[in-house]
Structures are given as C-alpha cells and as structure tokens.
Amino acid sequence: MHAAVAARLTETIASAGIVLDRSGLTLFGAGADNIVFAGHTLDGRALIVKTPRRERPRYGTAAFAARALARHRVPAPEVLFHDASICVETRCPGVPLTGAEGLLDTWDSTPYPAMLRAAKEAGALLRRAHTIAVHGYGRLTPTGSGPHHTLLDSLLPHPAPPAIAAPAGGLAQAAHRAVSGHLWRLRDAGPRLLVGDCAARHIFLNPADGAISGFIDLESARGGHPLADIAGFSVREHPQMAQALLHGYFPDGVELDRAWALTLHRARIASSLLLFHTRRGENEPAHRIADCLAADLAAITSHSPTVLPAHLS
C-alpha cells in the first residue's frame, strides 16, 4: 500500500516541478493525521512529504504559518507545494527536542544540557513568533483568518467535558468550572499566531551547532492567546524542559497576570489531555497530567496562580 502511495505522490511532485533524486520516497512514519515520506531533491534538499489519512488536511494553514514564521526569523520548514492530497516541505535538520525520533515527550529521561539550552532558545523564538498578529481566534484558514472575533468568543461557551468515570471525570469537571469562572482574567491583546501543538517532538535541534532548526507540524497553527502555547508545552514536557523554555520566553520574570494566564491555559489544556489519555487507557500520562491539573485547580481556587504547577516548581 505504501509503495502505491509513494508512486502516486512522486507523480504529483514531478507535476509540481520538484525533481527528486534517484532514491525516490521512503516511508518515514504514519501518525493519526498523515502518512509521511522522506526524500531528497536532485539538488540535495531533504524533504518531508505528507499525505492525509483524513479528509480536509490543513496544509494551507501550515504553509501560511511557515511563511509568517520565516518572515520573523523563526525557523520553520519551507512548504514547496501543497494541495488537498499532499504537502511537500523541506526537512529541518537534526532531531526533535525529545532527544530522538519517535519519543512523544521528555518525561521519561533527564534532559541533558544541550536540550535545556535549546529549550531556552525555543522559548525566545516563541516570544518572537507571538508578536505575529493574525485575523481572528481559533483554527486559521490558509490566509491567516480565524472564526472568532475575541478571545472569550473562542473560549466560551467552553463545553463541559463529556461524562467519564471518576476520578478523572470529576477532576475535569471541577477544572472546567474553575477555569470558566476566571476567564475574565485573560487580557485580550488581539489574536497572535500560535504554533498550536507546542511540544518538544515538534521543535527540532541541530546537533551540529546546538541551535533550533525549526518548528514543525504547523497544521495545528491557530490564532490565540500567546501563553496557550507555553502552557501546552509545560503540561507535556519534563519540568526542567518547561522551566528552560519559560526562562527563554520570560527573560525578565513573570508578572501576576501572566501567571494567571499560564495557570488557566494549563488547566484547560490538561483537562482535555487527561480525558484523551484516560479514554485510551494510557494510565501513566493520565496520572501525571491529573497531578498537574489538581495542582492548578488548587492554585485557581486559592487565587494563587503559578508559573508551573506547584508540585513541579
């Protein structure tokens, strides 16, 4: 099956005027959204080629986000061609911040110094990326427009989590109530470009020079409140990696209103991830996220927001 898909994609690439070398396309991975191939152009550029596993891929959004990031000197893949069936982009050199391909996060290993330095640089780059204004909140169109006019419009009505067995269900319900009651604390400074699925596996490090080589998988790019990206990273990643990213993003420290934003966004994102992992029977990440969510829920109800969940600080 994959050979037939590769042959079809190769024909599309050739029709777009992109010439592959003799090795053609090789299977690189298959995720929930895409089948991914790797290849090289005749002039030596490394490529990633995606084809969707579902209808309505968001390749146009990824191309918009990549162009916007590049204009602001934030490294990202260059999308060479895309349509509804394919996305051809340059491959960022190096490895993800997880330390190796295939690792979903950084929780199960102690980050080494180069990873922490890179996470700090990634924080500074995200701060720059979040200066990019877009037109509207929520999922972006290929022209950079989102469906919601205000931040609260994009978060309310914030749907209550579906019924699920305790304790995860009860914790998610309590977090939903607490977050909904404090959304007024979020300052609406206008929609900014978010990378969306902000995780170490989507940030590449070039070991040759220790620099960040690109933010990848930009199909999830959104218009939103900037600190949602930072909160999403801190929910998923090792506390040392999250702390390093925060140091890069906030070189002068974190003010109270931003601590509130981090806590509220973290609780909102953790609620969704907790239910996701619980439904899939993935107990280890579910328990870890539940601990973070419980700490943030306590911080919200006691009016004492934190930069990271209290038990990880």
C-alpha atoms as a PDB file:
ATOM      1  CA  MET A   1       0.000   0.000   0.000  1.00  0.00           C
ATOM      2  CA  HIS A   2       2.726   2.438   0.947  1.00  0.00           C
ATOM      3  CA  ALA A   3       4.605   1.737  -2.291  1.00  0.00           C
ATOM      4  CA  ALA A   4       1.496   2.620  -4.292  1.00  0.00           C
ATOM      5  CA  VAL A   5       1.005   5.794  -2.257  1.00  0.00           C
ATOM      6  CA  ALA A   6       4.655   6.746  -2.768  1.00  0.00           C
ATOM      7  CA  ALA A   7       4.326   6.235  -6.523  1.00  0.00           C
ATOM      8  CA  ARG A   8       1.257   8.469  -6.658  1.00  0.00           C
ATOM      9  CA  LEU A   9       2.938  11.182  -4.596  1.00  0.00           C
ATOM     10  CA  THR A  10       6.065  11.014  -6.751  1.00  0.00           C
ATOM     11  CA  GLU A  11       3.975  11.734  -9.843  1.00  0.00           C
ATOM     12  CA  THR A  12       2.315  14.700  -8.116  1.00  0.00           C
ATOM     13  CA  ILE A  13       5.683  16.067  -7.007  1.00  0.00           C
ATOM     14  CA  ALA A  14       7.071  15.797 -10.537  1.00  0.00           C
ATOM     15  CA  SER A  15       3.989  17.577 -11.919  1.00  0.00           C
ATOM     16  CA  ALA A  16       4.687  20.420  -9.479  1.00  0.00           C
ATOM     17  CA  GLY A  17       8.179  20.822 -10.944  1.00  0.00           C
ATOM     18  CA  ILE A  18      10.045  19.339  -7.964  1.00  0.00           C
ATOM     19  CA  VAL A  19      12.663  16.818  -9.094  1.00  0.00           C
ATOM     20  CA  LEU A  20      13.505  14.003  -6.685  1.00  0.00           C
ATOM     21  CA  ASP A  21      16.814  12.159  -6.755  1.00  0.00           C
ATOM     22  CA  ARG A  22      17.002   8.510  -7.768  1.00  0.00           C
ATOM     23  CA  SER A  23      16.239   7.194  -4.259  1.00  0.00           C
ATOM     24  CA  GLY A  24      12.659   8.459  -4.506  1.00  0.00           C
ATOM     25  CA  LEU A  25      10.409   8.475  -1.442  1.00  0.00           C
ATOM     26  CA  THR A  26      10.802   6.231   1.601  1.00  0.00           C
ATOM     27  CA  LEU A  27       8.254   5.742   4.361  1.00  0.00           C
ATOM     28  CA  PHE A  28       9.120   7.963   7.320  1.00  0.00           C
ATOM     29  CA  GLY A  29       6.148   7.428   9.626  1.00  0.00           C
ATOM     30  CA  ALA A  30       2.387   7.158   9.911  1.00  0.00           C
ATOM     31  CA  GLY A  31       0.532   9.204  12.503  1.00  0.00           C
ATOM     32  CA  ALA A  32      -3.116   9.846  13.246  1.00  0.00           C
ATOM     33  CA  ASP A  33      -3.374  12.566  10.606  1.00  0.00           C
ATOM     34  CA  ASN A  34      -0.747  11.854   7.943  1.00  0.00           C
ATOM     35  CA  ILE A  35       1.330   9.210   6.225  1.00  0.00           C
ATOM     36  CA  VAL A  36       4.811  10.710   5.998  1.00  0.00           C
ATOM     37  CA  PHE A  37       7.578  10.015   3.489  1.00  0.00           C
ATOM     38  CA  ALA A  38      11.130  11.349   3.233  1.00  0.00           C
ATOM     39  CA  GLY A  39      13.139  12.111   0.116  1.00  0.00           C
ATOM     40  CA  HIS A  40      15.711  14.424  -1.458  1.00  0.00           C
ATOM     41  CA  THR A  41      15.577  16.766  -4.390  1.00  0.00           C
ATOM     42  CA  LEU A  42      18.071  16.385  -7.180  1.00  0.00           C
ATOM     43  CA  ASP A  43      19.954  19.405  -5.819  1.00  0.00           C
ATOM     44  CA  GLY A  44      20.251  17.790  -2.369  1.00  0.00           C
ATOM     45  CA  ARG A  45      17.488  19.332  -0.286  1.00  0.00           C
ATOM     46  CA  ALA A  46      15.968  16.966   2.277  1.00  0.00           C
ATOM     47  CA  LEU A  47      12.174  16.763   2.028  1.00  0.00           C
ATOM     48  CA  ILE A  48       9.247  15.626   4.121  1.00  0.00           C
ATOM     49  CA  VAL A  49       6.185  14.626   2.095  1.00  0.00           C
ATOM     50  CA  LYS A  50       2.815  14.186   3.797  1.00  0.00           C
ATOM     51  CA  THR A  51      -0.449  12.789   2.550  1.00  0.00           C
ATOM     52  CA  PRO A  52      -3.575  12.885   4.708  1.00  0.00           C
ATOM     53  CA  ARG A  53      -5.189   9.934   6.441  1.00  0.00           C
ATOM     54  CA  ARG A  54      -8.344  12.011   6.913  1.00  0.00           C
ATOM     55  CA  GLU A  55     -10.352  14.443   4.845  1.00  0.00           C
ATOM     56  CA  ARG A  56      -9.662  18.169   4.804  1.00  0.00           C
ATOM     57  CA  PRO A  57      -5.986  18.377   5.756  1.00  0.00           C
ATOM     58  CA  ARG A  58      -4.779  21.771   6.938  1.00  0.00           C
ATOM     59  CA  TYR A  59      -1.723  22.022   4.690  1.00  0.00           C
ATOM     60  CA  GLY A  60      -2.637  25.547   3.584  1.00  0.00           C
ATOM     61  CA  THR A  61      -2.637  26.669   7.198  1.00  0.00           C
ATOM     62  CA  ALA A  62       0.784  25.087   7.721  1.00  0.00           C
ATOM     63  CA  ALA A  63       2.128  26.910   4.659  1.00  0.00           C
ATOM     64  CA  PHE A  64       0.773  30.230   5.931  1.00  0.00           C
ATOM     65  CA  ALA A  65       2.282  29.697   9.385  1.00  0.00           C
ATOM     66  CA  ALA A  66       5.660  28.621   7.991  1.00  0.00           C
ATOM     67  CA  ARG A  67       5.881  31.727   5.794  1.00  0.00           C
ATOM     68  CA  ALA A  68       4.887  34.011   8.658  1.00  0.00           C
ATOM     69  CA  LEU A  69       7.453  32.469  10.999  1.00  0.00           C
ATOM     70  CA  ALA A  70      10.222  32.683   8.397  1.00  0.00           C
ATOM     71  CA  ARG A  71       9.498  36.381   7.820  1.00  0.00           C
ATOM     72  CA  HIS A  72      10.059  36.953  11.530  1.00  0.00           C
ATOM     73  CA  ARG A  73      13.286  34.915  11.613  1.00  0.00           C
ATOM     74  CA  VAL A  74      11.738  31.963  13.411  1.00  0.00           C
ATOM     75  CA  PRO A  75      12.992  28.722  11.798  1.00  0.00           C
ATOM     76  CA  ALA A  76      10.348  26.540  10.165  1.00  0.00           C
ATOM     77  CA  PRO A  77      10.060  24.207   7.160  1.00  0.00           C
ATOM     78  CA  GLU A  78       9.596  25.766   3.749  1.00  0.00           C
ATOM     79  CA  VAL A  79       6.435  24.422   2.130  1.00  0.00           C
ATOM     80  CA  LEU A  80       7.363  23.907  -1.522  1.00  0.00           C
ATOM     81  CA  PHE A  81       3.982  22.633  -2.697  1.00  0.00           C
ATOM     82  CA  HIS A  82       0.648  21.597  -1.265  1.00  0.00           C
ATOM     83  CA  ASP A  83      -2.879  20.727  -2.292  1.00  0.00           C
ATOM     84  CA  ALA A  84      -5.634  18.616  -0.753  1.00  0.00           C
ATOM     85  CA  SER A  85      -3.651  15.395  -1.216  1.00  0.00           C
ATOM     86  CA  ILE A  86      -0.041  16.308  -0.472  1.00  0.00           C
ATOM     87  CA  CYS A  87       2.285  18.654   1.373  1.00  0.00           C
ATOM     88  CA  VAL A  88       5.921  18.882   0.299  1.00  0.00           C
ATOM     89  CA  GLU A  89       8.197  20.751   2.693  1.00  0.00           C
ATOM     90  CA  THR A  90      11.879  20.999   3.489  1.00  0.00           C
ATOM     91  CA  ARG A  91      13.092  18.837   6.352  1.00  0.00           C
ATOM     92  CA  CYS A  92      14.546  20.646   9.352  1.00  0.00           C
ATOM     93  CA  PRO A  93      17.979  19.218  10.171  1.00  0.00           C
ATOM     94  CA  GLY A  94      18.696  17.401  13.401  1.00  0.00           C
ATOM     95  CA  VAL A  95      16.473  15.714  15.952  1.00  0.00           C
ATOM     96  CA  PRO A  96      13.446  16.737  17.992  1.00  0.00           C
ATOM     97  CA  LEU A  97      13.921  18.205  21.468  1.00  0.00           C
ATOM     98  CA  THR A  98      12.800  14.863  22.874  1.00  0.00           C
ATOM     99  CA  GLY A  99      16.329  13.717  22.004  1.00  0.00           C
ATOM    100  CA  ALA A 100      15.378  11.114  19.398  1.00  0.00           C
ATOM    101  CA  GLU A 101      12.803  10.398  16.714  1.00  0.00           C
ATOM    102  CA  GLY A 102       9.758   8.529  17.902  1.00  0.00           C
ATOM    103  CA  LEU A 103       9.759   9.774  21.507  1.00  0.00           C
ATOM    104  CA  LEU A 104       6.488  11.522  22.314  1.00  0.00           C
ATOM    105  CA  ASP A 105       7.769  13.677  25.182  1.00  0.00           C
ATOM    106  CA  THR A 106      10.711  14.325  27.527  1.00  0.00           C
ATOM    107  CA  TRP A 107       9.203  12.957  30.753  1.00  0.00           C
ATOM    108  CA  ASP A 108      10.995   9.611  30.908  1.00  0.00           C
ATOM    109  CA  SER A 109      14.566  10.890  30.785  1.00  0.00           C
ATOM    110  CA  THR A 110      16.610  13.595  32.463  1.00  0.00           C
ATOM    111  CA  PRO A 111      17.244  16.341  29.879  1.00  0.00           C
ATOM    112  CA  TYR A 112      20.902  16.876  29.095  1.00  0.00           C
ATOM    113  CA  PRO A 113      22.433  20.406  28.988  1.00  0.00           C
ATOM    114  CA  ALA A 114      22.189  20.830  25.201  1.00  0.00           C
ATOM    115  CA  MET A 115      18.458  20.065  25.347  1.00  0.00           C
ATOM    116  CA  LEU A 116      17.943  22.635  28.110  1.00  0.00           C
ATOM    117  CA  ARG A 117      19.891  25.287  26.208  1.00  0.00           C
ATOM    118  CA  ALA A 118      17.821  24.555  23.112  1.00  0.00           C
ATOM    119  CA  ALA A 119      14.573  24.715  25.099  1.00  0.00           C
ATOM    120  CA  LYS A 120      15.586  28.155  26.359  1.00  0.00           C
ATOM    121  CA  GLU A 121      16.274  29.271  22.786  1.00  0.00           C
ATOM    122  CA  ALA A 122      12.910  27.843  21.727  1.00  0.00           C
ATOM    123  CA  GLY A 123      11.248  29.991  24.376  1.00  0.00           C
ATOM    124  CA  ALA A 124      12.898  33.122  22.995  1.00  0.00           C
ATOM    125  CA  LEU A 125      11.851  32.177  19.459  1.00  0.00           C
ATOM    126  CA  LEU A 126       8.267  31.570  20.555  1.00  0.00           C
ATOM    127  CA  ARG A 127       8.217  35.002  22.159  1.00  0.00           C
ATOM    128  CA  ARG A 128       9.165  36.420  18.754  1.00  0.00           C
ATOM    129  CA  ALA A 129       6.605  34.241  16.959  1.00  0.00           C
ATOM    130  CA  HIS A 130       3.883  35.513  19.264  1.00  0.00           C
ATOM    131  CA  THR A 131       4.367  39.066  18.007  1.00  0.00           C
ATOM    132  CA  ILE A 132       2.786  37.939  14.700  1.00  0.00           C
ATOM    133  CA  ALA A 133      -0.783  39.221  14.521  1.00  0.00           C
ATOM    134  CA  VAL A 134      -3.458  37.201  12.714  1.00  0.00           C
ATOM    135  CA  HIS A 135      -7.076  37.891  11.855  1.00  0.00           C
ATOM    136  CA  GLY A 136      -9.248  36.097  14.381  1.00  0.00           C
ATOM    137  CA  TYR A 137      -9.046  33.429  17.058  1.00  0.00           C
ATOM    138  CA  GLY A 138      -9.253  29.681  16.566  1.00  0.00           C
ATOM    139  CA  ARG A 139      -8.192  27.422  13.705  1.00  0.00           C
ATOM    140  CA  LEU A 140      -6.655  29.511  10.959  1.00  0.00           C
ATOM    141  CA  THR A 141      -7.520  29.441   7.284  1.00  0.00           C
ATOM    142  CA  PRO A 142      -4.719  29.395   4.696  1.00  0.00           C
ATOM    143  CA  THR A 143      -4.915  33.212   4.670  1.00  0.00           C
ATOM    144  CA  GLY A 144      -4.447  33.540   8.421  1.00  0.00           C
ATOM    145  CA  SER A 145      -8.034  34.177   9.498  1.00  0.00           C
ATOM    146  CA  GLY A 146      -9.762  32.592  12.491  1.00  0.00           C
ATOM    147  CA  PRO A 147     -13.515  32.208  13.088  1.00  0.00           C
ATOM    148  CA  HIS A 148     -13.767  34.135  16.385  1.00  0.00           C
ATOM    149  CA  HIS A 149     -13.512  37.907  16.884  1.00  0.00           C
ATOM    150  CA  THR A 150     -12.479  37.940  20.560  1.00  0.00           C
ATOM    151  CA  LEU A 151     -10.559  35.694  22.906  1.00  0.00           C
ATOM    152  CA  LEU A 152     -13.624  34.998  25.037  1.00  0.00           C
ATOM    153  CA  ASP A 153     -15.628  34.151  21.919  1.00  0.00           C
ATOM    154  CA  SER A 154     -13.054  31.464  21.166  1.00  0.00           C
ATOM    155  CA  LEU A 155     -13.237  30.020  24.683  1.00  0.00           C
ATOM    156  CA  LEU A 156     -16.942  30.457  25.502  1.00  0.00           C
ATOM    157  CA  PRO A 157     -19.189  28.663  25.509  1.00  0.00           C
ATOM    158  CA  HIS A 158     -16.411  26.424  26.747  1.00  0.00           C
ATOM    159  CA  PRO A 159     -18.047  22.984  26.500  1.00  0.00           C
ATOM    160  CA  ALA A 160     -18.199  20.918  29.654  1.00  0.00           C
ATOM    161  CA  PRO A 161     -16.144  17.729  29.429  1.00  0.00           C
ATOM    162  CA  PRO A 162     -18.097  14.608  28.497  1.00  0.00           C
ATOM    163  CA  ALA A 163     -19.111  12.185  31.206  1.00  0.00           C
ATOM    164  CA  ILE A 164     -16.269   9.864  32.180  1.00  0.00           C
ATOM    165  CA  ALA A 165     -15.603   7.738  35.230  1.00  0.00           C
ATOM    166  CA  ALA A 166     -14.132   9.263  38.385  1.00  0.00           C
ATOM    167  CA  PRO A 167     -11.615  10.390  39.412  1.00  0.00           C
ATOM    168  CA  ALA A 168     -10.585  11.778  36.019  1.00  0.00           C
ATOM    169  CA  GLY A 169     -14.118  12.856  35.126  1.00  0.00           C
ATOM    170  CA  GLY A 170     -14.699  14.651  38.418  1.00  0.00           C
ATOM    171  CA  LEU A 171     -11.367  16.435  38.223  1.00  0.00           C
ATOM    172  CA  ALA A 172     -12.021  17.575  34.648  1.00  0.00           C
ATOM    173  CA  GLN A 173     -15.497  18.823  35.596  1.00  0.00           C
ATOM    174  CA  ALA A 174     -14.116  20.777  38.560  1.00  0.00           C
ATOM    175  CA  ALA A 175     -11.372  22.296  36.396  1.00  0.00           C
ATOM    176  CA  HIS A 176     -13.931  23.289  33.767  1.00  0.00           C
ATOM    177  CA  ARG A 177     -15.960  25.188  36.353  1.00  0.00           C
ATOM    178  CA  ALA A 178     -12.897  26.876  37.844  1.00  0.00           C
ATOM    179  CA  VAL A 179     -11.417  27.923  34.503  1.00  0.00           C
ATOM    180  CA  SER A 180     -14.752  29.184  33.151  1.00  0.00           C
ATOM    181  CA  GLY A 181     -15.176  31.366  36.219  1.00  0.00           C
ATOM    182  CA  HIS A 182     -11.786  33.030  35.774  1.00  0.00           C
ATOM    183  CA  LEU A 183     -11.519  33.562  32.017  1.00  0.00           C
ATOM    184  CA  TRP A 184     -12.136  37.251  32.589  1.00  0.00           C
ATOM    185  CA  ARG A 185      -8.568  37.406  33.914  1.00  0.00           C
ATOM    186  CA  LEU A 186      -7.122  36.794  30.427  1.00  0.00           C
ATOM    187  CA  ARG A 187      -6.099  40.004  28.703  1.00  0.00           C
ATOM    188  CA  ASP A 188      -7.257  40.186  25.089  1.00  0.00           C
ATOM    189  CA  ALA A 189      -4.410  41.908  23.266  1.00  0.00           C
ATOM    190  CA  GLY A 190      -5.543  40.614  19.872  1.00  0.00           C
ATOM    191  CA  PRO A 191      -5.045  37.229  18.209  1.00  0.00           C
ATOM    192  CA  ARG A 192      -1.457  36.082  17.750  1.00  0.00           C
ATOM    193  CA  LEU A 193      -0.016  33.231  15.752  1.00  0.00           C
ATOM    194  CA  LEU A 194       0.284  30.076  17.856  1.00  0.00           C
ATOM    195  CA  VAL A 195       2.166  27.007  16.642  1.00  0.00           C
ATOM    196  CA  GLY A 196      -0.716  25.057  18.178  1.00  0.00           C
ATOM    197  CA  ASP A 197       0.603  21.629  19.126  1.00  0.00           C
ATOM    198  CA  CYS A 198       3.531  23.023  21.097  1.00  0.00           C
ATOM    199  CA  ALA A 199       5.576  20.007  22.181  1.00  0.00           C
ATOM    200  CA  ALA A 200       9.236  19.020  22.247  1.00  0.00           C
ATOM    201  CA  ARG A 201       8.715  16.488  19.446  1.00  0.00           C
ATOM    202  CA  HIS A 202       7.667  19.352  17.150  1.00  0.00           C
ATOM    203  CA  ILE A 203      10.739  21.517  17.836  1.00  0.00           C
ATOM    204  CA  PHE A 204      13.947  20.437  16.095  1.00  0.00           C
ATOM    205  CA  LEU A 205      17.510  20.901  17.333  1.00  0.00           C
ATOM    206  CA  ASN A 206      20.526  20.781  15.029  1.00  0.00           C
ATOM    207  CA  PRO A 207      23.309  18.966  16.953  1.00  0.00           C
ATOM    208  CA  ALA A 208      25.899  20.440  14.584  1.00  0.00           C
ATOM    209  CA  ASP A 209      25.539  23.907  16.111  1.00  0.00           C
ATOM    210  CA  GLY A 210      23.137  23.393  19.027  1.00  0.00           C
ATOM    211  CA  ALA A 211      20.570  25.766  17.508  1.00  0.00           C
ATOM    212  CA  ILE A 212      16.865  25.322  16.970  1.00  0.00           C
ATOM    213  CA  SER A 213      16.394  24.348  13.322  1.00  0.00           C
ATOM    214  CA  GLY A 214      12.618  24.542  13.085  1.00  0.00           C
ATOM    215  CA  PHE A 215       9.109  24.352  14.490  1.00  0.00           C
ATOM    216  CA  ILE A 216       7.342  21.603  12.544  1.00  0.00           C
ATOM    217  CA  ASP A 217       3.833  20.123  12.097  1.00  0.00           C
ATOM    218  CA  LEU A 218       2.239  23.542  11.743  1.00  0.00           C
ATOM    219  CA  GLU A 219      -1.148  22.203  10.613  1.00  0.00           C
ATOM    220  CA  SER A 220      -2.312  22.965  14.170  1.00  0.00           C
ATOM    221  CA  ALA A 221      -1.433  26.673  13.941  1.00  0.00           C
ATOM    222  CA  ARG A 222      -4.098  28.875  15.499  1.00  0.00           C
ATOM    223  CA  GLY A 223      -4.944  32.413  16.377  1.00  0.00           C
ATOM    224  CA  GLY A 224      -4.984  32.757  20.124  1.00  0.00           C
ATOM    225  CA  HIS A 225      -3.572  33.970  23.404  1.00  0.00           C
ATOM    226  CA  PRO A 226       0.217  33.521  23.223  1.00  0.00           C
ATOM    227  CA  LEU A 227       0.617  31.823  26.576  1.00  0.00           C
ATOM    228  CA  ALA A 228      -1.545  28.905  25.466  1.00  0.00           C
ATOM    229  CA  ASP A 229       1.499  27.624  23.531  1.00  0.00           C
ATOM    230  CA  ILE A 230       3.730  27.909  26.597  1.00  0.00           C
ATOM    231  CA  ALA A 231       1.137  26.276  28.844  1.00  0.00           C
ATOM    232  CA  GLY A 232       0.715  23.394  26.397  1.00  0.00           C
ATOM    233  CA  PHE A 233       4.461  22.737  26.412  1.00  0.00           C
ATOM    234  CA  SER A 234       4.648  22.754  30.222  1.00  0.00           C
ATOM    235  CA  VAL A 235       1.785  20.237  30.535  1.00  0.00           C
ATOM    236  CA  ARG A 236       3.510  17.772  28.196  1.00  0.00           C
ATOM    237  CA  GLU A 237       7.204  18.062  28.979  1.00  0.00           C
ATOM    238  CA  HIS A 238       9.742  17.367  31.730  1.00  0.00           C
ATOM    239  CA  PRO A 239       9.708  20.170  34.351  1.00  0.00           C
ATOM    240  CA  GLN A 240      13.332  21.072  33.614  1.00  0.00           C
ATOM    241  CA  MET A 241      12.495  21.491  29.919  1.00  0.00           C
ATOM    242  CA  ALA A 242       9.435  23.588  30.763  1.00  0.00           C
ATOM    243  CA  GLN A 243      11.489  25.745  33.136  1.00  0.00           C
ATOM    244  CA  ALA A 244      14.146  26.302  30.454  1.00  0.00           C
ATOM    245  CA  LEU A 245      11.514  27.289  27.894  1.00  0.00           C
ATOM    246  CA  LEU A 246       9.966  29.699  30.402  1.00  0.00           C
ATOM    247  CA  HIS A 247      13.361  31.301  31.085  1.00  0.00           C
ATOM    248  CA  GLY A 248      13.791  31.929  27.377  1.00  0.00           C
ATOM    249  CA  TYR A 249      10.267  33.305  26.983  1.00  0.00           C
ATOM    250  CA  PHE A 250      10.300  35.460  30.133  1.00  0.00           C
ATOM    251  CA  PRO A 251      13.874  36.754  30.497  1.00  0.00           C
ATOM    252  CA  ASP A 252      12.700  39.401  32.992  1.00  0.00           C
ATOM    253  CA  GLY A 253      10.415  37.216  35.086  1.00  0.00           C
ATOM    254  CA  VAL A 254       6.671  36.576  35.071  1.00  0.00           C
ATOM    255  CA  GLU A 255       4.092  39.157  36.144  1.00  0.00           C
ATOM    256  CA  LEU A 256       0.939  38.168  38.049  1.00  0.00           C
ATOM    257  CA  ASP A 257      -1.444  38.494  35.094  1.00  0.00           C
ATOM    258  CA  ARG A 258       0.774  36.191  33.029  1.00  0.00           C
ATOM    259  CA  ALA A 259       0.979  33.674  35.872  1.00  0.00           C
ATOM    260  CA  TRP A 260      -2.833  33.656  35.830  1.00  0.00           C
ATOM    261  CA  ALA A 261      -2.836  33.109  32.074  1.00  0.00           C
ATOM    262  CA  LEU A 262      -0.357  30.235  32.327  1.00  0.00           C
ATOM    263  CA  THR A 263      -2.353  28.558  35.111  1.00  0.00           C
ATOM    264  CA  LEU A 264      -5.712  28.910  33.349  1.00  0.00           C
ATOM    265  CA  HIS A 265      -4.467  27.760  29.954  1.00  0.00           C
ATOM    266  CA  ARG A 266      -2.575  24.875  31.544  1.00  0.00           C
ATOM    267  CA  ALA A 267      -5.687  23.687  33.396  1.00  0.00           C
ATOM    268  CA  ARG A 268      -7.795  23.983  30.245  1.00  0.00           C
ATOM    269  CA  ILE A 269      -5.302  22.012  28.140  1.00  0.00           C
ATOM    270  CA  ALA A 270      -4.627  19.450  30.882  1.00  0.00           C
ATOM    271  CA  SER A 271      -8.352  18.738  31.190  1.00  0.00           C
ATOM    272  CA  SER A 272      -8.540  17.779  27.518  1.00  0.00           C
ATOM    273  CA  LEU A 273      -5.360  15.688  27.665  1.00  0.00           C
ATOM    274  CA  LEU A 274      -6.483  13.925  30.829  1.00  0.00           C
ATOM    275  CA  LEU A 275      -9.697  12.758  29.189  1.00  0.00           C
ATOM    276  CA  PHE A 276      -7.864  11.816  25.994  1.00  0.00           C
ATOM    277  CA  HIS A 277      -5.346   9.571  27.768  1.00  0.00           C
ATOM    278  CA  THR A 278      -7.962   8.138  30.141  1.00  0.00           C
ATOM    279  CA  ARG A 279     -10.181   7.040  27.251  1.00  0.00           C
ATOM    280  CA  ARG A 280      -7.199   5.338  25.613  1.00  0.00           C
ATOM    281  CA  GLY A 281      -6.225   3.527  28.817  1.00  0.00           C
ATOM    282  CA  GLU A 282      -2.853   5.312  28.926  1.00  0.00           C
ATOM    283  CA  ASN A 283      -2.534   5.352  32.698  1.00  0.00           C
ATOM    284  CA  GLU A 284       0.964   6.771  33.159  1.00  0.00           C
ATOM    285  CA  PRO A 285       0.438  10.061  31.269  1.00  0.00           C
ATOM    286  CA  ALA A 286      -3.119  10.290  32.631  1.00  0.00           C
ATOM    287  CA  HIS A 287      -1.882  10.106  36.247  1.00  0.00           C
ATOM    288  CA  ARG A 288       0.885  12.608  35.579  1.00  0.00           C
ATOM    289  CA  ILE A 289      -1.490  15.087  33.950  1.00  0.00           C
ATOM    290  CA  ALA A 290      -4.049  14.561  36.717  1.00  0.00           C
ATOM    291  CA  ASP A 291      -1.419  15.615  39.288  1.00  0.00           C
ATOM    292  CA  CYS A 292      -0.687  18.776  37.301  1.00  0.00           C
ATOM    293  CA  LEU A 293      -4.367  19.544  36.897  1.00  0.00           C
ATOM    294  CA  ALA A 294      -5.085  19.050  40.603  1.00  0.00           C
ATOM    295  CA  ALA A 295      -2.239  21.435  41.475  1.00  0.00           C
ATOM    296  CA  ASP A 296      -3.506  24.080  39.063  1.00  0.00           C
ATOM    297  CA  LEU A 297      -7.077  23.670  40.267  1.00  0.00           C
ATOM    298  CA  ALA A 298      -5.895  24.300  43.829  1.00  0.00           C
ATOM    299  CA  ALA A 299      -3.978  27.377  42.628  1.00  0.00           C
ATOM    300  CA  ILE A 300      -7.050  28.776  40.877  1.00  0.00           C
ATOM    301  CA  THR A 301      -9.423  28.224  43.787  1.00  0.00           C
ATOM    302  CA  SER A 302      -6.933  29.762  46.247  1.00  0.00           C
ATOM    303  CA  HIS A 303      -6.239  32.711  43.918  1.00  0.00           C
ATOM    304  CA  SER A 304      -2.519  31.893  43.859  1.00  0.00           C
ATOM    305  CA  PRO A 305      -1.536  31.239  40.218  1.00  0.00           C
ATOM    306  CA  THR A 306       1.821  29.638  39.488  1.00  0.00           C
ATOM    307  CA  VAL A 307       4.289  29.715  36.605  1.00  0.00           C
ATOM    308  CA  LEU A 308       4.488  25.909  36.739  1.00  0.00           C
ATOM    309  CA  PRO A 309       2.237  23.555  38.713  1.00  0.00           C
ATOM    310  CA  ALA A 310       3.237  23.933  42.370  1.00  0.00           C
ATOM    311  CA  HIS A 311       4.458  20.328  42.765  1.00  0.00           C
ATOM    312  CA  LEU A 312       6.837  20.765  39.796  1.00  0.00           C
ATOM    313  CA  SER A 313       8.268  24.207  40.608  1.00  0.00           C
END
